Amino acid sequence: MSDHDPDCIFCKIVEGKIPSSKVHEDDEILAFHDIHPWAPVHFLMVPKKHMASLAQVGPEHTAMLGRMMALAPKLAFQEGCRPYPQGGFRVVINTGDDGGQEVHHLHVHVFGGPRPWTKG
């Protein structure tokens, strides 16, 4: 696994070669708004190091994935999701072609806001 894939759109976003509407950035994770949102709140969280999918995750990625999951609620509420239990959000990781993954760089979708959503 390489730290970067020069043909990956998310690697290009991480590098700043493609602009994004950032929600959060730290040394390991970048979160940004989806350009085709399915819900009133829809952003993606990606590891800055290229990893094709959740299928490539190993024990060495536990801390990074844990940080992403712990960050999801904070960012969801920051971006406009209503508090639990009446509000809330959905976290989705599509993996592989059969799982609906379109960009082969691990990414976490966070959806929220009043339902019904147009998709998802």
PDB file of N, CA and C in Angstrom:
ATOM      1  N   MET A   1       0.853  -1.178   0.000  1.00  0.00           N
ATOM      2  CA  MET A   1       0.000   0.000   0.000  1.00  0.00           C
ATOM      3  C   MET A   1       0.896   1.237   0.000  1.00  0.00           C
ATOM      4  N   SER A   2       0.666   2.125  -0.945  1.00  0.00           N
ATOM      5  CA  SER A   2       1.413   3.376  -1.041  1.00  0.00           C
ATOM      6  C   SER A   2       0.729   4.454  -0.207  1.00  0.00           C
ATOM      7  N   ASP A   3       1.510   5.441   0.219  1.00  0.00           N
ATOM      8  CA  ASP A   3       0.922   6.556   0.967  1.00  0.00           C
ATOM      9  C   ASP A   3       0.113   7.481   0.070  1.00  0.00           C
ATOM     10  N   HIS A   4       0.286   7.345  -1.242  1.00  0.00           N
ATOM     11  CA  HIS A   4      -0.330   8.271  -2.190  1.00  0.00           C
ATOM     12  C   HIS A   4      -0.524   7.554  -3.527  1.00  0.00           C
ATOM     13  N   ASP A   5      -1.644   7.804  -4.167  1.00  0.00           N
ATOM     14  CA  ASP A   5      -1.905   7.296  -5.511  1.00  0.00           C
ATOM     15  C   ASP A   5      -2.106   8.508  -6.412  1.00  0.00           C
ATOM     16  N   PRO A   6      -1.193   8.748  -7.363  1.00  0.00           N
ATOM     17  CA  PRO A   6      -1.274   9.949  -8.185  1.00  0.00           C
ATOM     18  C   PRO A   6      -2.535  10.034  -9.053  1.00  0.00           C
ATOM     19  N   ASP A   7      -3.241   8.909  -9.228  1.00  0.00           N
ATOM     20  CA  ASP A   7      -4.458   8.905 -10.042  1.00  0.00           C
ATOM     21  C   ASP A   7      -5.735   8.987  -9.199  1.00  0.00           C
ATOM     22  N   CYS A   8      -5.596   9.015  -7.889  1.00  0.00           N
ATOM     23  CA  CYS A   8      -6.752   8.988  -6.976  1.00  0.00           C
ATOM     24  C   CYS A   8      -7.272  10.410  -6.732  1.00  0.00           C
ATOM     25  N   ILE A   9      -8.560  10.608  -6.975  1.00  0.00           N
ATOM     26  CA  ILE A   9      -9.153  11.945  -6.789  1.00  0.00           C
ATOM     27  C   ILE A   9      -9.081  12.386  -5.323  1.00  0.00           C
ATOM     28  N   PHE A  10      -9.243  11.458  -4.374  1.00  0.00           N
ATOM     29  CA  PHE A  10      -9.180  11.853  -2.965  1.00  0.00           C
ATOM     30  C   PHE A  10      -7.746  12.187  -2.553  1.00  0.00           C
ATOM     31  N   CYS A  11      -6.759  11.496  -3.106  1.00  0.00           N
ATOM     32  CA  CYS A  11      -5.356  11.870  -2.836  1.00  0.00           C
ATOM     33  C   CYS A  11      -5.092  13.277  -3.366  1.00  0.00           C
ATOM     34  N   LYS A  12      -5.654  13.607  -4.521  1.00  0.00           N
ATOM     35  CA  LYS A  12      -5.480  14.951  -5.088  1.00  0.00           C
ATOM     36  C   LYS A  12      -6.159  16.003  -4.218  1.00  0.00           C
ATOM     37  N   ILE A  13      -7.312  15.654  -3.627  1.00  0.00           N
ATOM     38  CA  ILE A  13      -7.996  16.581  -2.705  1.00  0.00           C
ATOM     39  C   ILE A  13      -7.146  16.761  -1.449  1.00  0.00           C
ATOM     40  N   VAL A  14      -6.613  15.668  -0.907  1.00  0.00           N
ATOM     41  CA  VAL A  14      -5.759  15.743   0.283  1.00  0.00           C
ATOM     42  C   VAL A  14      -4.556  16.649   0.018  1.00  0.00           C
ATOM     43  N   GLU A  15      -3.971  16.544  -1.172  1.00  0.00           N
ATOM     44  CA  GLU A  15      -2.786  17.346  -1.526  1.00  0.00           C
ATOM     45  C   GLU A  15      -3.121  18.798  -1.853  1.00  0.00           C
ATOM     46  N   GLY A  16      -4.414  19.109  -2.010  1.00  0.00           N
ATOM     47  CA  GLY A  16      -4.817  20.465  -2.361  1.00  0.00           C
ATOM     48  C   GLY A  16      -4.782  20.734  -3.850  1.00  0.00           C
ATOM     49  N   LYS A  17      -4.591  19.698  -4.652  1.00  0.00           N
ATOM     50  CA  LYS A  17      -4.571  19.852  -6.114  1.00  0.00           C
ATOM     51  C   LYS A  17      -5.977  20.024  -6.675  1.00  0.00           C
ATOM     52  N   ILE A  18      -6.961  19.539  -5.934  1.00  0.00           N
ATOM     53  CA  ILE A  18      -8.376  19.723  -6.280  1.00  0.00           C
ATOM     54  C   ILE A  18      -9.014  20.398  -5.074  1.00  0.00           C
ATOM     55  N   PRO A  19      -9.728  21.510  -5.277  1.00  0.00           N
ATOM     56  CA  PRO A  19     -10.319  22.207  -4.133  1.00  0.00           C
ATOM     57  C   PRO A  19     -11.453  21.404  -3.493  1.00  0.00           C
ATOM     58  N   SER A  20     -11.646  21.646  -2.211  1.00  0.00           N
ATOM     59  CA  SER A  20     -12.752  21.017  -1.488  1.00  0.00           C
ATOM     60  C   SER A  20     -13.255  21.996  -0.442  1.00  0.00           C
ATOM     61  N   SER A  21     -14.466  21.741   0.000  1.00  0.00           N
ATOM     62  CA  SER A  21     -15.041  22.521   1.093  1.00  0.00           C
ATOM     63  C   SER A  21     -14.768  21.747   2.381  1.00  0.00           C
ATOM     64  N   LYS A  22     -13.700  22.108   3.059  1.00  0.00           N
ATOM     65  CA  LYS A  22     -13.229  21.357   4.222  1.00  0.00           C
ATOM     66  C   LYS A  22     -14.151  21.523   5.426  1.00  0.00           C
ATOM     67  N   VAL A  23     -14.333  20.403   6.105  1.00  0.00           N
ATOM     68  CA  VAL A  23     -15.077  20.348   7.355  1.00  0.00           C
ATOM     69  C   VAL A  23     -14.089  20.224   8.519  1.00  0.00           C
ATOM     70  N   HIS A  24     -13.005  19.487   8.286  1.00  0.00           N
ATOM     71  CA  HIS A  24     -12.003  19.225   9.324  1.00  0.00           C
ATOM     72  C   HIS A  24     -10.720  18.751   8.656  1.00  0.00           C
ATOM     73  N   GLU A  25      -9.593  19.107   9.267  1.00  0.00           N
ATOM     74  CA  GLU A  25      -8.314  18.565   8.816  1.00  0.00           C
ATOM     75  C   GLU A  25      -7.371  18.476  10.000  1.00  0.00           C
ATOM     76  N   ASP A  26      -6.691  17.341  10.101  1.00  0.00           N
ATOM     77  CA  ASP A  26      -5.612  17.179  11.063  1.00  0.00           C
ATOM     78  C   ASP A  26      -4.502  16.400  10.379  1.00  0.00           C
ATOM     79  N   ASP A  27      -3.562  15.871  11.128  1.00  0.00           N
ATOM     80  CA  ASP A  27      -2.412  15.217  10.512  1.00  0.00           C
ATOM     81  C   ASP A  27      -2.746  13.910   9.810  1.00  0.00           C
ATOM     82  N   GLU A  28      -3.849  13.245  10.168  1.00  0.00           N
ATOM     83  CA  GLU A  28      -4.215  11.952   9.594  1.00  0.00           C
ATOM     84  C   GLU A  28      -5.479  11.947   8.756  1.00  0.00           C
ATOM     85  N   ILE A  29      -6.388  12.885   9.011  1.00  0.00           N
ATOM     86  CA  ILE A  29      -7.742  12.810   8.459  1.00  0.00           C
ATOM     87  C   ILE A  29      -8.128  14.135   7.815  1.00  0.00           C
ATOM     88  N   LEU A  30      -8.800  14.024   6.675  1.00  0.00           N
ATOM     89  CA  LEU A  30      -9.413  15.182   6.032  1.00  0.00           C
ATOM     90  C   LEU A  30     -10.901  14.891   5.886  1.00  0.00           C
ATOM     91  N   ALA A  31     -11.736  15.840   6.271  1.00  0.00           N
ATOM     92  CA  ALA A  31     -13.182  15.727   6.084  1.00  0.00           C
ATOM     93  C   ALA A  31     -13.624  16.894   5.220  1.00  0.00           C
ATOM     94  N   PHE A  32     -14.491  16.610   4.233  1.00  0.00           N
ATOM     95  CA  PHE A  32     -14.945  17.642   3.310  1.00  0.00           C
ATOM     96  C   PHE A  32     -16.345  17.320   2.815  1.00  0.00           C
ATOM     97  N   HIS A  33     -17.058  18.358   2.390  1.00  0.00           N
ATOM     98  CA  HIS A  33     -18.420  18.190   1.886  1.00  0.00           C
ATOM     99  C   HIS A  33     -18.421  17.409   0.585  1.00  0.00           C
ATOM    100  N   ASP A  34     -19.410  16.534   0.446  1.00  0.00           N
ATOM    101  CA  ASP A  34     -19.591  15.785  -0.798  1.00  0.00           C
ATOM    102  C   ASP A  34     -20.080  16.743  -1.877  1.00  0.00           C
ATOM    103  N   ILE A  35     -19.555  16.603  -3.094  1.00  0.00           N
ATOM    104  CA  ILE A  35     -19.973  17.515  -4.166  1.00  0.00           C
ATOM    105  C   ILE A  35     -21.351  17.170  -4.719  1.00  0.00           C
ATOM    106  N   HIS A  36     -21.854  15.967  -4.426  1.00  0.00           N
ATOM    107  CA  HIS A  36     -23.209  15.563  -4.824  1.00  0.00           C
ATOM    108  C   HIS A  36     -23.939  15.026  -3.588  1.00  0.00           C
ATOM    109  N   PRO A  37     -24.325  15.907  -2.662  1.00  0.00           N
ATOM    110  CA  PRO A  37     -24.891  15.437  -1.388  1.00  0.00           C
ATOM    111  C   PRO A  37     -26.212  14.702  -1.566  1.00  0.00           C
ATOM    112  N   TRP A  38     -26.376  13.652  -0.744  1.00  0.00           N
ATOM    113  CA  TRP A  38     -27.599  12.863  -0.721  1.00  0.00           C
ATOM    114  C   TRP A  38     -28.526  13.286   0.411  1.00  0.00           C
ATOM    115  N   ALA A  39     -28.029  14.147   1.287  1.00  0.00           N
ATOM    116  CA  ALA A  39     -28.797  14.556   2.464  1.00  0.00           C
ATOM    117  C   ALA A  39     -28.430  15.994   2.792  1.00  0.00           C
ATOM    118  N   PRO A  40     -29.234  16.668   3.616  1.00  0.00           N
ATOM    119  CA  PRO A  40     -28.903  18.046   3.988  1.00  0.00           C
ATOM    120  C   PRO A  40     -27.499  18.187   4.577  1.00  0.00           C
ATOM    121  N   VAL A  41     -27.057  17.190   5.346  1.00  0.00           N
ATOM    122  CA  VAL A  41     -25.675  17.133   5.818  1.00  0.00           C
ATOM    123  C   VAL A  41     -25.055  15.907   5.154  1.00  0.00           C
ATOM    124  N   HIS A  42     -23.982  16.108   4.398  1.00  0.00           N
ATOM    125  CA  HIS A  42     -23.296  14.991   3.751  1.00  0.00           C
ATOM    126  C   HIS A  42     -21.843  15.386   3.541  1.00  0.00           C
ATOM    127  N   PHE A  43     -20.980  14.766   4.311  1.00  0.00           N
ATOM    128  CA  PHE A  43     -19.550  14.997   4.131  1.00  0.00           C
ATOM    129  C   PHE A  43     -18.821  13.662   4.166  1.00  0.00           C
ATOM    130  N   LEU A  44     -17.580  13.689   3.717  1.00  0.00           N
ATOM    131  CA  LEU A  44     -16.738  12.503   3.678  1.00  0.00           C
ATOM    132  C   LEU A  44     -15.556  12.708   4.615  1.00  0.00           C
ATOM    133  N   MET A  45     -15.106  11.634   5.225  1.00  0.00           N
ATOM    134  CA  MET A  45     -13.871  11.638   5.995  1.00  0.00           C
ATOM    135  C   MET A  45     -12.939  10.627   5.333  1.00  0.00           C
ATOM    136  N   VAL A  46     -11.711  11.056   5.037  1.00  0.00           N
ATOM    137  CA  VAL A  46     -10.739  10.181   4.392  1.00  0.00           C
ATOM    138  C   VAL A  46      -9.427  10.197   5.175  1.00  0.00           C
ATOM    139  N   PRO A  47      -8.748   9.048   5.217  1.00  0.00           N
ATOM    140  CA  PRO A  47      -7.396   9.088   5.749  1.00  0.00           C
ATOM    141  C   PRO A  47      -6.507   9.804   4.734  1.00  0.00           C
ATOM    142  N   LYS A  48      -5.535  10.560   5.207  1.00  0.00           N
ATOM    143  CA  LYS A  48      -4.654  11.278   4.286  1.00  0.00           C
ATOM    144  C   LYS A  48      -3.734  10.321   3.525  1.00  0.00           C
ATOM    145  N   LYS A  49      -3.412   9.195   4.135  1.00  0.00           N
ATOM    146  CA  LYS A  49      -2.621   8.186   3.438  1.00  0.00           C
ATOM    147  C   LYS A  49      -3.559   7.325   2.608  1.00  0.00           C
ATOM    148  N   HIS A  50      -3.157   7.046   1.385  1.00  0.00           N
ATOM    149  CA  HIS A  50      -4.005   6.257   0.489  1.00  0.00           C
ATOM    150  C   HIS A  50      -4.158   4.824   0.996  1.00  0.00           C
ATOM    151  N   MET A  51      -5.400   4.416   1.060  1.00  0.00           N
ATOM    152  CA  MET A  51      -5.768   3.042   1.368  1.00  0.00           C
ATOM    153  C   MET A  51      -6.983   2.772   0.503  1.00  0.00           C
ATOM    154  N   ALA A  52      -6.945   1.740  -0.307  1.00  0.00           N
ATOM    155  CA  ALA A  52      -7.989   1.526  -1.305  1.00  0.00           C
ATOM    156  C   ALA A  52      -9.381   1.340  -0.711  1.00  0.00           C
ATOM    157  N   SER A  53      -9.497   0.586   0.375  1.00  0.00           N
ATOM    158  CA  SER A  53     -10.830   0.328   0.928  1.00  0.00           C
ATOM    159  C   SER A  53     -10.729  -0.220   2.342  1.00  0.00           C
ATOM    160  N   LEU A  54     -11.866  -0.434   2.943  1.00  0.00           N
ATOM    161  CA  LEU A  54     -11.923  -1.035   4.267  1.00  0.00           C
ATOM    162  C   LEU A  54     -11.367  -2.454   4.240  1.00  0.00           C
ATOM    163  N   ALA A  55     -11.390  -3.098   3.077  1.00  0.00           N
ATOM    164  CA  ALA A  55     -10.870  -4.461   2.951  1.00  0.00           C
ATOM    165  C   ALA A  55      -9.363  -4.524   3.199  1.00  0.00           C
ATOM    166  N   GLN A  56      -8.658  -3.423   3.073  1.00  0.00           N
ATOM    167  CA  GLN A  56      -7.209  -3.389   3.288  1.00  0.00           C
ATOM    168  C   GLN A  56      -6.822  -2.995   4.723  1.00  0.00           C
ATOM    169  N   VAL A  57      -7.788  -2.770   5.570  1.00  0.00           N
ATOM    170  CA  VAL A  57      -7.521  -2.342   6.940  1.00  0.00           C
ATOM    171  C   VAL A  57      -6.936  -3.496   7.751  1.00  0.00           C
ATOM    172  N   GLY A  58      -5.918  -3.171   8.524  1.00  0.00           N
ATOM    173  CA  GLY A  58      -5.314  -4.145   9.421  1.00  0.00           C
ATOM    174  C   GLY A  58      -5.244  -3.583  10.827  1.00  0.00           C
ATOM    175  N   PRO A  59      -4.695  -4.361  11.749  1.00  0.00           N
ATOM    176  CA  PRO A  59      -4.598  -3.915  13.139  1.00  0.00           C
ATOM    177  C   PRO A  59      -3.842  -2.595  13.295  1.00  0.00           C
ATOM    178  N   GLU A  60      -2.922  -2.326  12.399  1.00  0.00           N
ATOM    179  CA  GLU A  60      -2.152  -1.079  12.483  1.00  0.00           C
ATOM    180  C   GLU A  60      -2.990   0.162  12.178  1.00  0.00           C
ATOM    181  N   HIS A  61      -4.212  -0.022  11.687  1.00  0.00           N
ATOM    182  CA  HIS A  61      -5.091   1.103  11.350  1.00  0.00           C
ATOM    183  C   HIS A  61      -6.163   1.359  12.413  1.00  0.00           C
ATOM    184  N   THR A  62      -6.140   0.582  13.487  1.00  0.00           N
ATOM    185  CA  THR A  62      -7.172   0.670  14.524  1.00  0.00           C
ATOM    186  C   THR A  62      -7.304   2.077  15.092  1.00  0.00           C
ATOM    187  N   ALA A  63      -6.201   2.695  15.452  1.00  0.00           N
ATOM    188  CA  ALA A  63      -6.256   4.026  16.069  1.00  0.00           C
ATOM    189  C   ALA A  63      -6.839   5.057  15.105  1.00  0.00           C
ATOM    190  N   MET A  64      -6.410   5.013  13.850  1.00  0.00           N
ATOM    191  CA  MET A  64      -6.903   5.984  12.862  1.00  0.00           C
ATOM    192  C   MET A  64      -8.408   5.810  12.627  1.00  0.00           C
ATOM    193  N   LEU A  65      -8.855   4.569  12.475  1.00  0.00           N
ATOM    194  CA  LEU A  65     -10.291   4.327  12.272  1.00  0.00           C
ATOM    195  C   LEU A  65     -11.094   4.711  13.511  1.00  0.00           C
ATOM    196  N   GLY A  66     -10.550   4.453  14.676  1.00  0.00           N
ATOM    197  CA  GLY A  66     -11.215   4.862  15.910  1.00  0.00           C
ATOM    198  C   GLY A  66     -11.355   6.369  15.990  1.00  0.00           C
ATOM    199  N   ARG A  67     -10.311   7.081  15.592  1.00  0.00           N
ATOM    200  CA  ARG A  67     -10.377   8.548  15.574  1.00  0.00           C
ATOM    201  C   ARG A  67     -11.454   9.026  14.603  1.00  0.00           C
ATOM    202  N   MET A  68     -11.549   8.371  13.434  1.00  0.00           N
ATOM    203  CA  MET A  68     -12.572   8.769  12.465  1.00  0.00           C
ATOM    204  C   MET A  68     -13.977   8.574  13.042  1.00  0.00           C
ATOM    205  N   MET A  69     -14.200   7.433  13.684  1.00  0.00           N
ATOM    206  CA  MET A  69     -15.524   7.161  14.243  1.00  0.00           C
ATOM    207  C   MET A  69     -15.841   8.108  15.396  1.00  0.00           C
ATOM    208  N   ALA A  70     -14.852   8.433  16.207  1.00  0.00           N
ATOM    209  CA  ALA A  70     -15.068   9.368  17.313  1.00  0.00           C
ATOM    210  C   ALA A  70     -15.274  10.793  16.818  1.00  0.00           C
ATOM    211  N   LEU A  71     -14.696  11.125  15.685  1.00  0.00           N
ATOM    212  CA  LEU A  71     -14.825  12.455  15.102  1.00  0.00           C
ATOM    213  C   LEU A  71     -16.177  12.642  14.398  1.00  0.00           C
ATOM    214  N   ALA A  72     -16.759  11.562  13.896  1.00  0.00           N
ATOM    215  CA  ALA A  72     -18.009  11.649  13.132  1.00  0.00           C
ATOM    216  C   ALA A  72     -19.121  12.391  13.874  1.00  0.00           C
ATOM    217  N   PRO A  73     -19.438  12.073  15.134  1.00  0.00           N
ATOM    218  CA  PRO A  73     -20.517  12.796  15.820  1.00  0.00           C
ATOM    219  C   PRO A  73     -20.216  14.287  15.990  1.00  0.00           C
ATOM    220  N   LYS A  74     -19.001  14.598  16.378  1.00  0.00           N
ATOM    221  CA  LYS A  74     -18.632  16.003  16.572  1.00  0.00           C
ATOM    222  C   LYS A  74     -18.843  16.792  15.283  1.00  0.00           C
ATOM    223  N   LEU A  75     -18.358  16.245  14.164  1.00  0.00           N
ATOM    224  CA  LEU A  75     -18.489  16.950  12.885  1.00  0.00           C
ATOM    225  C   LEU A  75     -19.932  16.960  12.398  1.00  0.00           C
ATOM    226  N   ALA A  76     -20.669  15.873  12.628  1.00  0.00           N
ATOM    227  CA  ALA A  76     -22.072  15.825  12.210  1.00  0.00           C
ATOM    228  C   ALA A  76     -22.874  16.938  12.893  1.00  0.00           C
ATOM    229  N   PHE A  77     -22.688  17.103  14.188  1.00  0.00           N
ATOM    230  CA  PHE A  77     -23.417  18.147  14.909  1.00  0.00           C
ATOM    231  C   PHE A  77     -22.905  19.531  14.514  1.00  0.00           C
ATOM    232  N   GLN A  78     -21.611  19.651  14.306  1.00  0.00           N
ATOM    233  CA  GLN A  78     -21.026  20.923  13.844  1.00  0.00           C
ATOM    234  C   GLN A  78     -21.628  21.346  12.502  1.00  0.00           C
ATOM    235  N   GLU A  79     -21.925  20.355  11.643  1.00  0.00           N
ATOM    236  CA  GLU A  79     -22.424  20.650  10.298  1.00  0.00           C
ATOM    237  C   GLU A  79     -23.940  20.770  10.234  1.00  0.00           C
ATOM    238  N   GLY A  80     -24.640  20.598  11.360  1.00  0.00           N
ATOM    239  CA  GLY A  80     -26.071  20.881  11.369  1.00  0.00           C
ATOM    240  C   GLY A  80     -26.993  19.745  11.738  1.00  0.00           C
ATOM    241  N   CYS A  81     -26.469  18.578  12.062  1.00  0.00           N
ATOM    242  CA  CYS A  81     -27.348  17.490  12.499  1.00  0.00           C
ATOM    243  C   CYS A  81     -27.923  17.823  13.869  1.00  0.00           C
ATOM    244  N   ARG A  82     -29.184  17.440  14.069  1.00  0.00           N
ATOM    245  CA  ARG A  82     -29.822  17.657  15.362  1.00  0.00           C
ATOM    246  C   ARG A  82     -29.322  16.629  16.365  1.00  0.00           C
ATOM    247  N   PRO A  83     -29.354  16.957  17.657  1.00  0.00           N
ATOM    248  CA  PRO A  83     -28.858  16.036  18.684  1.00  0.00           C
ATOM    249  C   PRO A  83     -29.668  14.738  18.772  1.00  0.00           C
ATOM    250  N   TYR A  84     -29.017  13.705  19.206  1.00  0.00           N
ATOM    251  CA  TYR A  84     -29.615  12.406  19.501  1.00  0.00           C
ATOM    252  C   TYR A  84     -30.546  12.557  20.697  1.00  0.00           C
ATOM    253  N   PRO A  85     -31.681  11.908  20.793  1.00  0.00           N
ATOM    254  CA  PRO A  85     -32.160  10.838  19.937  1.00  0.00           C
ATOM    255  C   PRO A  85     -33.099  11.287  18.817  1.00  0.00           C
ATOM    256  N   GLN A  86     -33.673  12.492  18.891  1.00  0.00           N
ATOM    257  CA  GLN A  86     -34.592  12.913  17.830  1.00  0.00           C
ATOM    258  C   GLN A  86     -33.853  13.171  16.523  1.00  0.00           C
ATOM    259  N   GLY A  87     -32.658  13.688  16.609  1.00  0.00           N
ATOM    260  CA  GLY A  87     -31.845  13.933  15.428  1.00  0.00           C
ATOM    261  C   GLY A  87     -30.964  12.731  15.165  1.00  0.00           C
ATOM    262  N   GLY A  88     -29.752  12.995  14.750  1.00  0.00           N
ATOM    263  CA  GLY A  88     -28.822  11.908  14.510  1.00  0.00           C
ATOM    264  C   GLY A  88     -28.215  11.991  13.124  1.00  0.00           C
ATOM    265  N   PHE A  89     -27.560  10.920  12.740  1.00  0.00           N
ATOM    266  CA  PHE A  89     -26.847  10.870  11.469  1.00  0.00           C
ATOM    267  C   PHE A  89     -26.591   9.417  11.120  1.00  0.00           C
ATOM    268  N   ARG A  90     -26.122   9.191   9.903  1.00  0.00           N
ATOM    269  CA  ARG A  90     -25.786   7.852   9.421  1.00  0.00           C
ATOM    270  C   ARG A  90     -24.331   7.857   8.988  1.00  0.00           C
ATOM    271  N   VAL A  91     -23.609   6.786   9.304  1.00  0.00           N
ATOM    272  CA  VAL A  91     -22.217   6.615   8.890  1.00  0.00           C
ATOM    273  C   VAL A  91     -22.166   5.397   7.977  1.00  0.00           C
ATOM    274  N   VAL A  92     -21.588   5.563   6.778  1.00  0.00           N
ATOM    275  CA  VAL A  92     -21.545   4.493   5.787  1.00  0.00           C
ATOM    276  C   VAL A  92     -20.138   4.395   5.192  1.00  0.00           C
ATOM    277  N   ILE A  93     -19.646   3.161   5.089  1.00  0.00           N
ATOM    278  CA  ILE A  93     -18.397   2.897   4.384  1.00  0.00           C
ATOM    279  C   ILE A  93     -18.701   1.865   3.307  1.00  0.00           C
ATOM    280  N   ASN A  94     -18.713   2.285   2.061  1.00  0.00           N
ATOM    281  CA  ASN A  94     -18.902   1.370   0.939  1.00  0.00           C
ATOM    282  C   ASN A  94     -17.555   0.713   0.642  1.00  0.00           C
ATOM    283  N   THR A  95     -17.576  -0.604   0.412  1.00  0.00           N
ATOM    284  CA  THR A  95     -16.330  -1.331   0.202  1.00  0.00           C
ATOM    285  C   THR A  95     -16.425  -2.199  -1.049  1.00  0.00           C
ATOM    286  N   GLY A  96     -15.576  -1.918  -2.023  1.00  0.00           N
ATOM    287  CA  GLY A  96     -15.524  -2.699  -3.257  1.00  0.00           C
ATOM    288  C   GLY A  96     -16.695  -2.410  -4.173  1.00  0.00           C
ATOM    289  N   ASP A  97     -16.591  -2.943  -5.366  1.00  0.00           N
ATOM    290  CA  ASP A  97     -17.623  -2.707  -6.378  1.00  0.00           C
ATOM    291  C   ASP A  97     -18.997  -3.208  -5.917  1.00  0.00           C
ATOM    292  N   ASP A  98     -19.059  -4.413  -5.350  1.00  0.00           N
ATOM    293  CA  ASP A  98     -20.338  -4.954  -4.882  1.00  0.00           C
ATOM    294  C   ASP A  98     -20.899  -4.149  -3.717  1.00  0.00           C
ATOM    295  N   GLY A  99     -20.044  -3.470  -2.974  1.00  0.00           N
ATOM    296  CA  GLY A  99     -20.476  -2.650  -1.846  1.00  0.00           C
ATOM    297  C   GLY A  99     -20.824  -1.226  -2.241  1.00  0.00           C
ATOM    298  N   GLY A 100     -20.714  -0.910  -3.541  1.00  0.00           N
ATOM    299  CA  GLY A 100     -21.088   0.423  -4.014  1.00  0.00           C
ATOM    300  C   GLY A 100     -19.977   1.458  -3.946  1.00  0.00           C
ATOM    301  N   GLN A 101     -18.731   1.022  -3.746  1.00  0.00           N
ATOM    302  CA  GLN A 101     -17.617   1.974  -3.662  1.00  0.00           C
ATOM    303  C   GLN A 101     -17.291   2.496  -5.057  1.00  0.00           C
ATOM    304  N   GLU A 102     -17.333   3.816  -5.207  1.00  0.00           N
ATOM    305  CA  GLU A 102     -17.050   4.442  -6.504  1.00  0.00           C
ATOM    306  C   GLU A 102     -15.637   4.987  -6.583  1.00  0.00           C
ATOM    307  N   VAL A 103     -15.110   5.502  -5.481  1.00  0.00           N
ATOM    308  CA  VAL A 103     -13.736   6.010  -5.427  1.00  0.00           C
ATOM    309  C   VAL A 103     -12.947   5.053  -4.541  1.00  0.00           C
ATOM    310  N   HIS A 104     -11.898   4.477  -5.092  1.00  0.00           N
ATOM    311  CA  HIS A 104     -11.133   3.463  -4.368  1.00  0.00           C
ATOM    312  C   HIS A 104     -10.023   4.087  -3.529  1.00  0.00           C
ATOM    313  N   HIS A 105     -10.492   4.849  -2.542  1.00  0.00           N
ATOM    314  CA  HIS A 105      -9.699   5.400  -1.432  1.00  0.00           C
ATOM    315  C   HIS A 105     -10.668   5.328  -0.266  1.00  0.00           C
ATOM    316  N   LEU A 106     -10.283   4.647   0.793  1.00  0.00           N
ATOM    317  CA  LEU A 106     -11.173   4.484   1.942  1.00  0.00           C
ATOM    318  C   LEU A 106     -11.803   5.822   2.310  1.00  0.00           C
ATOM    319  N   HIS A 107     -13.120   5.843   2.424  1.00  0.00           N
ATOM    320  CA  HIS A 107     -13.803   7.056   2.843  1.00  0.00           C
ATOM    321  C   HIS A 107     -15.078   6.704   3.603  1.00  0.00           C
ATOM    322  N   VAL A 108     -15.376   7.555   4.572  1.00  0.00           N
ATOM    323  CA  VAL A 108     -16.548   7.395   5.418  1.00  0.00           C
ATOM    324  C   VAL A 108     -17.533   8.499   5.044  1.00  0.00           C
ATOM    325  N   HIS A 109     -18.745   8.105   4.648  1.00  0.00           N
ATOM    326  CA  HIS A 109     -19.820   9.074   4.395  1.00  0.00           C
ATOM    327  C   HIS A 109     -20.526   9.342   5.713  1.00  0.00           C
ATOM    328  N   VAL A 110     -20.807  10.593   5.997  1.00  0.00           N
ATOM    329  CA  VAL A 110     -21.647  10.955   7.138  1.00  0.00           C
ATOM    330  C   VAL A 110     -22.835  11.728   6.573  1.00  0.00           C
ATOM    331  N   PHE A 111     -24.054  11.173   6.782  1.00  0.00           N
ATOM    332  CA  PHE A 111     -25.301  11.756   6.288  1.00  0.00           C
ATOM    333  C   PHE A 111     -26.149  12.182   7.473  1.00  0.00           C
ATOM    334  N   GLY A 112     -26.867  13.295   7.337  1.00  0.00           N
ATOM    335  CA  GLY A 112     -27.778  13.682   8.391  1.00  0.00           C
ATOM    336  C   GLY A 112     -28.706  14.792   7.943  1.00  0.00           C
ATOM    337  N   GLY A 113     -29.518  15.232   8.859  1.00  0.00           N
ATOM    338  CA  GLY A 113     -30.502  16.247   8.569  1.00  0.00           C
ATOM    339  C   GLY A 113     -31.884  15.644   8.449  1.00  0.00           C
ATOM    340  N   PRO A 114     -32.892  16.498   8.341  1.00  0.00           N
ATOM    341  CA  PRO A 114     -34.269  16.000   8.257  1.00  0.00           C
ATOM    342  C   PRO A 114     -34.465  15.032   7.089  1.00  0.00           C
ATOM    343  N   ARG A 115     -35.216  13.981   7.346  1.00  0.00           N
ATOM    344  CA  ARG A 115     -35.526  13.006   6.291  1.00  0.00           C
ATOM    345  C   ARG A 115     -36.869  13.350   5.684  1.00  0.00           C
ATOM    346  N   PRO A 116     -37.275  12.917   4.515  1.00  0.00           N
ATOM    347  CA  PRO A 116     -36.591  11.894   3.735  1.00  0.00           C
ATOM    348  C   PRO A 116     -35.483  12.474   2.877  1.00  0.00           C
ATOM    349  N   TRP A 117     -34.479  11.679   2.663  1.00  0.00           N
ATOM    350  CA  TRP A 117     -33.394  12.072   1.782  1.00  0.00           C
ATOM    351  C   TRP A 117     -33.705  11.593   0.381  1.00  0.00           C
ATOM    352  N   THR A 118     -33.135  12.237  -0.599  1.00  0.00           N
ATOM    353  CA  THR A 118     -33.416  11.866  -1.988  1.00  0.00           C
ATOM    354  C   THR A 118     -32.841  10.501  -2.340  1.00  0.00           C
ATOM    355  N   LYS A 119     -31.737  10.097  -1.685  1.00  0.00           N
ATOM    356  CA  LYS A 119     -31.119   8.798  -1.903  1.00  0.00           C
ATOM    357  C   LYS A 119     -30.698   8.255  -0.548  1.00  0.00           C
ATOM    358  N   GLY A 120     -30.121   7.046  -0.573  1.00  0.00           N
ATOM    359  CA  GLY A 120     -29.487   6.490   0.631  1.00  0.00           C
ATOM    360  C   GLY A 120     -30.431   5.940   1.617  1.00  0.00           C
TER     361      GLY A 120
END
